[in-house]
Amino acid sequence: MPIAVDIDVMLARRKMSVGELAERVGITPANLAVLKNGRAKAVRFTTLAALCEVLECQPGDLLRWESEPGFESASESESESEDVAGIRRPGG
């Protein structure tokens, strides 16, 4: 998945356990593990905000985008649509 989750990095920096973080955020340790291990399909902004508050960090400290082979970004897909439709971009 092109979104990497770095909760474990922040937990180590804060010297906090998964169980303590889950309790302070108000989610189950199992749900935190799903998020921490990158298996979550989505995260609520309220959960992200609570994680940031407890860990004293910014959302970008917990989530980052990584390029993935074979993953087509929205901008690439738009460019291909433009090319197929015969629309020329400025300078092109």
N, C-alpha and C. Protein backbone atom coordinates (compact mmCIF):
# COMPACT_ATOMS: atom_id res chain seq x y z
N MET A 1 0.85 -1.17 0.00
CA MET A 1 0.00 0.00 0.00
C MET A 1 0.90 1.24 0.00
N PRO A 2 0.58 2.25 -0.77
CA PRO A 2 1.44 3.41 -0.86
C PRO A 2 1.43 4.33 0.36
N ILE A 3 0.54 4.11 1.33
CA ILE A 3 0.55 4.89 2.56
C ILE A 3 1.22 4.05 3.65
N ALA A 4 2.32 4.55 4.18
CA ALA A 4 3.04 3.86 5.25
C ALA A 4 2.64 4.47 6.59
N VAL A 5 2.51 3.64 7.60
CA VAL A 5 2.12 4.08 8.93
C VAL A 5 3.32 3.94 9.86
N ASP A 6 3.67 5.03 10.53
CA ASP A 6 4.85 5.06 11.40
C ASP A 6 4.49 5.21 12.87
N ILE A 7 3.37 4.63 13.29
CA ILE A 7 2.98 4.72 14.69
C ILE A 7 4.04 4.07 15.58
N ASP A 8 4.62 2.96 15.13
CA ASP A 8 5.63 2.28 15.94
C ASP A 8 6.84 3.17 16.20
N VAL A 9 7.19 4.02 15.23
CA VAL A 9 8.31 4.94 15.40
C VAL A 9 8.00 5.94 16.51
N MET A 10 6.77 6.49 16.48
CA MET A 10 6.39 7.47 17.50
C MET A 10 6.25 6.81 18.87
N LEU A 11 5.76 5.58 18.89
CA LEU A 11 5.67 4.85 20.17
C LEU A 11 7.06 4.69 20.79
N ALA A 12 8.04 4.34 19.98
CA ALA A 12 9.41 4.17 20.47
C ALA A 12 9.97 5.50 20.97
N ARG A 13 9.72 6.57 20.21
CA ARG A 13 10.22 7.89 20.63
C ARG A 13 9.61 8.34 21.95
N ARG A 14 8.35 7.99 22.15
CA ARG A 14 7.63 8.40 23.37
C ARG A 14 7.75 7.36 24.49
N LYS A 15 8.44 6.25 24.18
CA LYS A 15 8.60 5.16 25.16
C LYS A 15 7.25 4.74 25.73
N MET A 16 6.31 4.47 24.81
CA MET A 16 4.94 4.13 25.18
C MET A 16 4.58 2.78 24.57
N SER A 17 3.78 2.00 25.28
CA SER A 17 3.35 0.70 24.78
C SER A 17 2.10 0.86 23.92
N VAL A 18 1.85 -0.15 23.10
CA VAL A 18 0.64 -0.17 22.27
C VAL A 18 -0.60 -0.14 23.16
N GLY A 19 -0.56 -0.91 24.24
CA GLY A 19 -1.70 -0.96 25.16
C GLY A 19 -2.00 0.39 25.79
N GLU A 20 -0.95 1.09 26.21
CA GLU A 20 -1.14 2.42 26.81
C GLU A 20 -1.71 3.40 25.79
N LEU A 21 -1.16 3.39 24.56
CA LEU A 21 -1.65 4.28 23.52
C LEU A 21 -3.12 3.99 23.22
N ALA A 22 -3.46 2.72 23.06
CA ALA A 22 -4.85 2.34 22.75
C ALA A 22 -5.78 2.85 23.84
N GLU A 23 -5.39 2.67 25.10
CA GLU A 23 -6.24 3.10 26.21
C GLU A 23 -6.41 4.61 26.22
N ARG A 24 -5.32 5.34 26.02
CA ARG A 24 -5.38 6.81 26.05
C ARG A 24 -6.13 7.39 24.86
N VAL A 25 -6.08 6.70 23.71
CA VAL A 25 -6.79 7.16 22.51
C VAL A 25 -8.26 6.75 22.56
N GLY A 26 -8.54 5.62 23.22
CA GLY A 26 -9.91 5.15 23.31
C GLY A 26 -10.29 4.16 22.22
N ILE A 27 -9.32 3.39 21.75
CA ILE A 27 -9.59 2.33 20.77
C ILE A 27 -9.03 1.02 21.33
N THR A 28 -9.46 -0.09 20.75
CA THR A 28 -8.98 -1.38 21.23
C THR A 28 -7.54 -1.61 20.77
N PRO A 29 -6.76 -2.36 21.54
CA PRO A 29 -5.41 -2.69 21.09
C PRO A 29 -5.42 -3.41 19.74
N ALA A 30 -6.45 -4.23 19.49
CA ALA A 30 -6.55 -4.94 18.20
C ALA A 30 -6.71 -3.95 17.05
N ASN A 31 -7.57 -2.94 17.21
CA ASN A 31 -7.75 -1.95 16.15
C ASN A 31 -6.50 -1.10 15.96
N LEU A 32 -5.81 -0.79 17.05
CA LEU A 32 -4.56 -0.05 16.93
C LEU A 32 -3.52 -0.88 16.19
N ALA A 33 -3.49 -2.18 16.46
CA ALA A 33 -2.54 -3.07 15.77
C ALA A 33 -2.83 -3.11 14.27
N VAL A 34 -4.10 -3.15 13.89
CA VAL A 34 -4.47 -3.14 12.46
C VAL A 34 -3.96 -1.87 11.81
N LEU A 35 -4.15 -0.74 12.48
CA LEU A 35 -3.68 0.54 11.94
C LEU A 35 -2.15 0.59 11.92
N LYS A 36 -1.52 0.19 13.00
CA LYS A 36 -0.06 0.24 13.13
C LYS A 36 0.64 -0.64 12.10
N ASN A 37 0.04 -1.78 11.78
CA ASN A 37 0.65 -2.71 10.84
C ASN A 37 0.29 -2.44 9.38
N GLY A 38 -0.40 -1.35 9.12
CA GLY A 38 -0.71 -0.94 7.75
C GLY A 38 -1.81 -1.75 7.09
N ARG A 39 -2.63 -2.44 7.88
CA ARG A 39 -3.72 -3.24 7.31
C ARG A 39 -5.05 -2.51 7.28
N ALA A 40 -5.12 -1.31 7.85
CA ALA A 40 -6.37 -0.54 7.88
C ALA A 40 -6.67 0.02 6.50
N LYS A 41 -7.94 0.02 6.14
CA LYS A 41 -8.37 0.60 4.87
C LYS A 41 -8.65 2.09 5.00
N ALA A 42 -8.92 2.54 6.23
CA ALA A 42 -9.25 3.94 6.48
C ALA A 42 -8.97 4.25 7.94
N VAL A 43 -8.88 5.54 8.24
CA VAL A 43 -8.75 5.99 9.63
C VAL A 43 -9.60 7.25 9.77
N ARG A 44 -10.38 7.30 10.83
CA ARG A 44 -11.22 8.48 11.08
C ARG A 44 -10.31 9.64 11.51
N PHE A 45 -10.70 10.85 11.10
CA PHE A 45 -9.94 12.02 11.51
C PHE A 45 -9.95 12.17 13.03
N THR A 46 -11.04 11.79 13.68
CA THR A 46 -11.09 11.88 15.14
C THR A 46 -10.06 10.95 15.78
N THR A 47 -9.88 9.77 15.20
CA THR A 47 -8.86 8.83 15.70
C THR A 47 -7.47 9.37 15.43
N LEU A 48 -7.25 9.89 14.24
CA LEU A 48 -5.95 10.47 13.90
C LEU A 48 -5.64 11.65 14.81
N ALA A 49 -6.63 12.49 15.08
CA ALA A 49 -6.43 13.63 15.97
C ALA A 49 -6.09 13.17 17.38
N ALA A 50 -6.78 12.14 17.85
CA ALA A 50 -6.50 11.61 19.20
C ALA A 50 -5.09 11.02 19.27
N LEU A 51 -4.69 10.29 18.23
CA LEU A 51 -3.33 9.74 18.18
C LEU A 51 -2.30 10.87 18.25
N CYS A 52 -2.52 11.92 17.47
CA CYS A 52 -1.59 13.05 17.45
C CYS A 52 -1.55 13.77 18.79
N GLU A 53 -2.71 13.90 19.43
CA GLU A 53 -2.75 14.56 20.73
C GLU A 53 -1.96 13.76 21.78
N VAL A 54 -2.21 12.47 21.84
CA VAL A 54 -1.54 11.62 22.83
C VAL A 54 -0.05 11.52 22.55
N LEU A 55 0.33 11.38 21.28
CA LEU A 55 1.74 11.23 20.91
C LEU A 55 2.46 12.57 20.74
N GLU A 56 1.69 13.67 20.86
CA GLU A 56 2.25 15.02 20.69
C GLU A 56 3.02 15.13 19.38
N CYS A 57 2.29 14.87 18.29
CA CYS A 57 2.92 14.91 16.97
C CYS A 57 1.93 15.43 15.94
N GLN A 58 2.35 15.48 14.71
CA GLN A 58 1.52 15.90 13.58
C GLN A 58 1.12 14.67 12.77
N PRO A 59 0.01 14.75 12.00
CA PRO A 59 -0.39 13.61 11.18
C PRO A 59 0.72 13.10 10.26
N GLY A 60 1.54 14.00 9.75
CA GLY A 60 2.64 13.61 8.88
C GLY A 60 3.73 12.81 9.59
N ASP A 61 3.74 12.86 10.92
CA ASP A 61 4.68 12.04 11.68
C ASP A 61 4.21 10.60 11.75
N LEU A 62 2.91 10.38 11.52
CA LEU A 62 2.33 9.04 11.61
C LEU A 62 2.07 8.40 10.25
N LEU A 63 1.82 9.22 9.24
CA LEU A 63 1.47 8.72 7.90
C LEU A 63 2.38 9.35 6.86
N ARG A 64 2.80 8.54 5.89
CA ARG A 64 3.59 9.07 4.77
C ARG A 64 3.28 8.26 3.52
N TRP A 65 3.47 8.90 2.38
CA TRP A 65 3.22 8.26 1.10
C TRP A 65 4.52 7.67 0.58
N GLU A 66 4.44 6.44 0.08
CA GLU A 66 5.58 5.78 -0.55
C GLU A 66 5.19 5.36 -1.95
N SER A 67 6.09 5.53 -2.88
CA SER A 67 5.85 5.06 -4.23
C SER A 67 5.83 3.54 -4.23
N GLU A 68 4.94 2.98 -5.00
CA GLU A 68 4.84 1.52 -5.07
C GLU A 68 4.86 1.10 -6.54
N PRO A 69 5.70 0.13 -6.90
CA PRO A 69 5.73 -0.33 -8.29
C PRO A 69 4.35 -0.79 -8.74
N GLY A 70 3.94 -0.32 -9.90
CA GLY A 70 2.64 -0.72 -10.44
C GLY A 70 1.48 0.11 -9.92
N PHE A 71 1.75 1.03 -9.00
CA PHE A 71 0.69 1.90 -8.48
C PHE A 71 0.59 3.11 -9.37
N GLU A 72 -0.61 3.38 -9.87
CA GLU A 72 -0.83 4.51 -10.76
C GLU A 72 -1.47 5.63 -9.98
N SER A 73 -0.78 6.77 -9.88
CA SER A 73 -1.32 7.91 -9.14
C SER A 73 -2.43 8.57 -9.96
N ALA A 74 -3.22 9.39 -9.30
CA ALA A 74 -4.32 10.09 -9.96
C ALA A 74 -3.79 11.00 -11.06
N SER A 75 -2.66 11.67 -10.83
CA SER A 75 -2.13 12.57 -11.84
C SER A 75 -1.66 11.80 -13.07
N GLU A 76 -1.10 10.60 -12.89
CA GLU A 76 -0.69 9.79 -14.03
C GLU A 76 -1.90 9.34 -14.83
N SER A 77 -2.95 8.96 -14.13
CA SER A 77 -4.15 8.49 -14.80
C SER A 77 -4.82 9.63 -15.56
N GLU A 78 -4.80 10.86 -15.00
CA GLU A 78 -5.36 12.02 -15.70
C GLU A 78 -4.54 12.33 -16.93
N SER A 79 -3.21 12.24 -16.82
CA SER A 79 -2.35 12.52 -17.96
C SER A 79 -2.63 11.55 -19.09
N GLU A 80 -2.80 10.27 -18.76
CA GLU A 80 -3.09 9.28 -19.79
C GLU A 80 -4.42 9.56 -20.44
N SER A 81 -5.43 9.99 -19.67
CA SER A 81 -6.73 10.32 -20.23
C SER A 81 -6.61 11.50 -21.18
N GLU A 82 -5.82 12.49 -20.79
CA GLU A 82 -5.64 13.64 -21.65
C GLU A 82 -4.96 13.22 -22.96
N ASP A 83 -3.96 12.36 -22.86
CA ASP A 83 -3.26 11.93 -24.06
C ASP A 83 -4.19 11.13 -24.97
N VAL A 84 -4.98 10.25 -24.41
CA VAL A 84 -5.90 9.44 -25.20
C VAL A 84 -6.95 10.31 -25.87
N ALA A 85 -7.38 11.37 -25.17
CA ALA A 85 -8.40 12.26 -25.72
C ALA A 85 -7.82 13.22 -26.75
N GLY A 86 -6.51 13.23 -26.87
CA GLY A 86 -5.87 14.10 -27.88
C GLY A 86 -5.70 15.53 -27.41
N ILE A 87 -5.82 15.77 -26.13
CA ILE A 87 -5.66 17.13 -25.61
C ILE A 87 -4.17 17.36 -25.38
N ARG A 88 -3.71 18.46 -25.94
CA ARG A 88 -2.29 18.78 -25.77
C ARG A 88 -2.10 19.68 -24.57
N ARG A 89 -1.06 19.39 -23.83
CA ARG A 89 -0.71 20.23 -22.69
C ARG A 89 0.16 21.38 -23.17
N PRO A 90 0.10 22.52 -22.48
CA PRO A 90 0.98 23.64 -22.87
C PRO A 90 2.43 23.21 -22.91
N GLY A 91 3.12 23.61 -23.94
CA GLY A 91 4.53 23.28 -24.10
C GLY A 91 4.76 21.88 -24.61
N GLY A 92 3.69 21.14 -24.93
CA GLY A 92 3.88 19.76 -25.31
C GLY A 92 3.61 19.45 -26.73
